């Protein structure tokens, strides 16, 4: 649905399946670029301290590399506090795939928090595997 807010025209999706179909038809590179631009727009409008979940999601979906890691760390902590373990796990998965730039202390802390999240989700074997991998790399 087209909507006008002030001088801006916006598209509002009334059903999530509509947005899903549109995203599914976009080439991966374009979809990633759009997510990065959305994250940049959120940062410009609201700063980097608020809207952590949205910033993390758009940077992760945009495959923003190390730029997304601080957002993913903050979003994972926030998600864990809200018992949104699936979202926290998604953030941790991204963090460990883009680990460069993190200190050993940050990686150990993230591994412990990620494994606690995995335990909460019943992913015991995966949690233990992550901890063993991180111990061997330290």
Protein backbone atom coordinates (compact mmCIF):
# COMPACT_ATOMS: atom_id res chain seq x y z
CA UNK A 1 0.00 0.00 0.00
CA UNK A 2 1.40 3.41 -0.97
CA UNK A 3 1.43 5.84 1.89
CA UNK A 4 2.48 9.47 2.15
CA UNK A 5 4.15 10.71 5.31
CA UNK A 6 4.99 14.38 5.10
CA UNK A 7 6.80 14.79 1.81
CA UNK A 8 7.96 11.17 1.65
CA UNK A 9 6.22 8.37 -0.18
CA UNK A 10 6.54 4.96 1.37
CA UNK A 11 5.41 1.44 0.62
CA UNK A 12 3.80 -0.41 3.49
CA UNK A 13 3.32 -4.17 3.25
CA UNK A 14 0.11 -5.32 4.90
CA UNK A 15 1.02 -8.97 4.81
CA UNK A 16 4.45 -10.47 5.44
CA UNK A 17 4.06 -12.89 2.54
CA UNK A 18 3.96 -9.98 0.08
CA UNK A 19 7.31 -8.72 1.35
CA UNK A 20 8.67 -12.27 1.31
CA UNK A 21 7.69 -12.77 -2.35
CA UNK A 22 9.25 -9.45 -3.36
CA UNK A 23 12.48 -10.26 -1.48
CA UNK A 24 12.54 -13.72 -3.02
CA UNK A 25 12.49 -12.26 -6.54
CA UNK A 26 15.41 -9.90 -5.92
CA UNK A 27 18.93 -11.00 -6.80
CA UNK A 28 21.01 -11.72 -3.69
CA UNK A 29 23.48 -8.84 -4.26
CA UNK A 30 20.66 -6.33 -4.70
CA UNK A 31 18.86 -7.62 -1.62
CA UNK A 32 22.06 -7.31 0.44
CA UNK A 33 22.69 -3.81 -0.88
CA UNK A 34 19.14 -2.78 0.04
CA UNK A 35 19.59 -4.08 3.60
CA UNK A 36 22.87 -2.16 3.97
CA UNK A 37 21.19 1.03 2.75
CA UNK A 38 18.29 0.53 5.16
CA UNK A 39 20.77 0.08 8.03
CA UNK A 40 22.59 3.26 7.02
CA UNK A 41 19.29 5.17 6.89
CA UNK A 42 18.35 3.93 10.37
CA UNK A 43 21.78 4.98 11.69
CA UNK A 44 21.42 8.45 10.16
CA UNK A 45 17.93 8.97 11.50
CA UNK A 46 18.18 7.36 14.94
CA UNK A 47 21.89 6.99 15.66
CA UNK A 48 23.65 3.79 16.60
CA UNK A 49 22.44 3.39 20.18
CA UNK A 50 18.76 2.72 19.49
CA UNK A 51 17.04 0.27 17.15
CA UNK A 52 19.76 -2.32 17.82
CA UNK A 53 17.66 -5.27 16.67
CA UNK A 54 16.79 -3.61 13.37
CA UNK A 55 20.35 -2.46 12.75
CA UNK A 56 21.72 -5.93 13.49
CA UNK A 57 19.16 -7.63 11.26
CA UNK A 58 19.75 -5.30 8.31
CA UNK A 59 23.53 -5.44 8.65
CA UNK A 60 23.45 -9.24 8.97
CA UNK A 61 21.11 -9.58 5.98
CA UNK A 62 23.27 -7.07 4.12
CA UNK A 63 26.35 -9.15 4.89
CA UNK A 64 28.11 -6.02 6.16
CA UNK A 65 31.07 -7.96 7.52
CA UNK A 66 32.79 -6.58 10.60
CA UNK A 67 30.49 -3.52 10.65
CA UNK A 68 27.63 -5.80 11.71
CA UNK A 69 29.49 -7.58 14.53
CA UNK A 70 29.03 -4.94 17.28
CA UNK A 71 25.34 -4.71 16.39
CA UNK A 72 25.04 -8.49 16.40
CA UNK A 73 26.73 -8.69 19.82
CA UNK A 74 24.37 -6.09 21.27
CA UNK A 75 21.32 -7.65 19.62
CA UNK A 76 22.29 -11.11 20.87
CA UNK A 77 22.56 -9.83 24.44
CA UNK A 78 19.23 -8.04 24.13
CA UNK A 79 17.58 -11.10 22.60
CA UNK A 80 18.91 -13.37 25.34
CA UNK A 81 17.54 -11.00 27.98
CA UNK A 82 14.13 -11.27 26.29
CA UNK A 83 14.41 -15.07 25.94
CA UNK A 84 14.38 -14.67 22.14
CA UNK A 85 16.94 -17.45 21.81
CA UNK A 86 16.43 -18.10 18.08
CA UNK A 87 17.24 -14.48 17.26
CA UNK A 88 20.23 -14.52 19.60
CA UNK A 89 21.51 -17.67 17.90
CA UNK A 90 21.22 -16.06 14.49
CA UNK A 91 23.34 -13.16 15.76
CA UNK A 92 25.93 -15.52 17.28
CA UNK A 93 26.15 -17.49 14.04
CA UNK A 94 26.99 -14.27 12.22
CA UNK A 95 29.49 -13.22 14.89
CA UNK A 96 31.48 -16.44 14.62
CA UNK A 97 31.50 -16.30 10.82
CA UNK A 98 32.83 -12.72 10.98
CA UNK A 99 35.06 -13.03 14.03
CA UNK A 100 38.05 -11.06 12.75
CA UNK A 101 38.57 -7.93 14.82
CA UNK A 102 37.26 -9.45 18.04
CA UNK A 103 39.61 -10.01 20.95
CA UNK A 104 40.08 -13.41 22.55
CA UNK A 105 38.11 -12.17 25.56
CA UNK A 106 35.21 -11.05 23.35
CA UNK A 107 35.25 -14.38 21.51
CA UNK A 108 35.30 -16.38 24.76
CA UNK A 109 32.44 -14.34 26.20
CA UNK A 110 30.45 -14.73 22.99
CA UNK A 111 31.13 -18.48 22.95
CA UNK A 112 29.86 -18.87 26.51
CA UNK A 113 26.75 -16.79 25.78
CA UNK A 114 26.16 -18.60 22.49
CA UNK A 115 26.50 -22.00 24.14
CA UNK A 116 24.05 -20.96 26.88
CA UNK A 117 21.65 -19.94 24.13
CA UNK A 118 22.13 -23.28 22.38
CA UNK A 119 21.53 -25.15 25.65
CA UNK A 120 18.30 -23.17 26.11
CA UNK A 121 17.23 -24.27 22.63
CA UNK A 122 18.13 -27.90 23.31
CA UNK A 123 21.14 -27.81 20.98
CA UNK A 124 23.49 -29.47 23.46
CA UNK A 125 25.81 -31.15 20.98
CA UNK A 126 26.20 -27.93 19.00
CA UNK A 127 26.92 -25.96 22.19
CA UNK A 128 29.64 -28.38 23.28
CA UNK A 129 31.15 -28.40 19.77
CA UNK A 130 31.31 -24.58 19.78
CA UNK A 131 32.99 -24.50 23.19
CA UNK A 132 35.54 -27.15 22.17
CA UNK A 133 36.32 -25.26 18.96
CA UNK A 134 36.81 -21.96 20.79
CA UNK A 135 38.96 -23.57 23.51
CA UNK A 136 41.21 -25.14 20.88
CA UNK A 137 41.61 -21.80 19.07
CA UNK A 138 42.59 -19.98 22.26
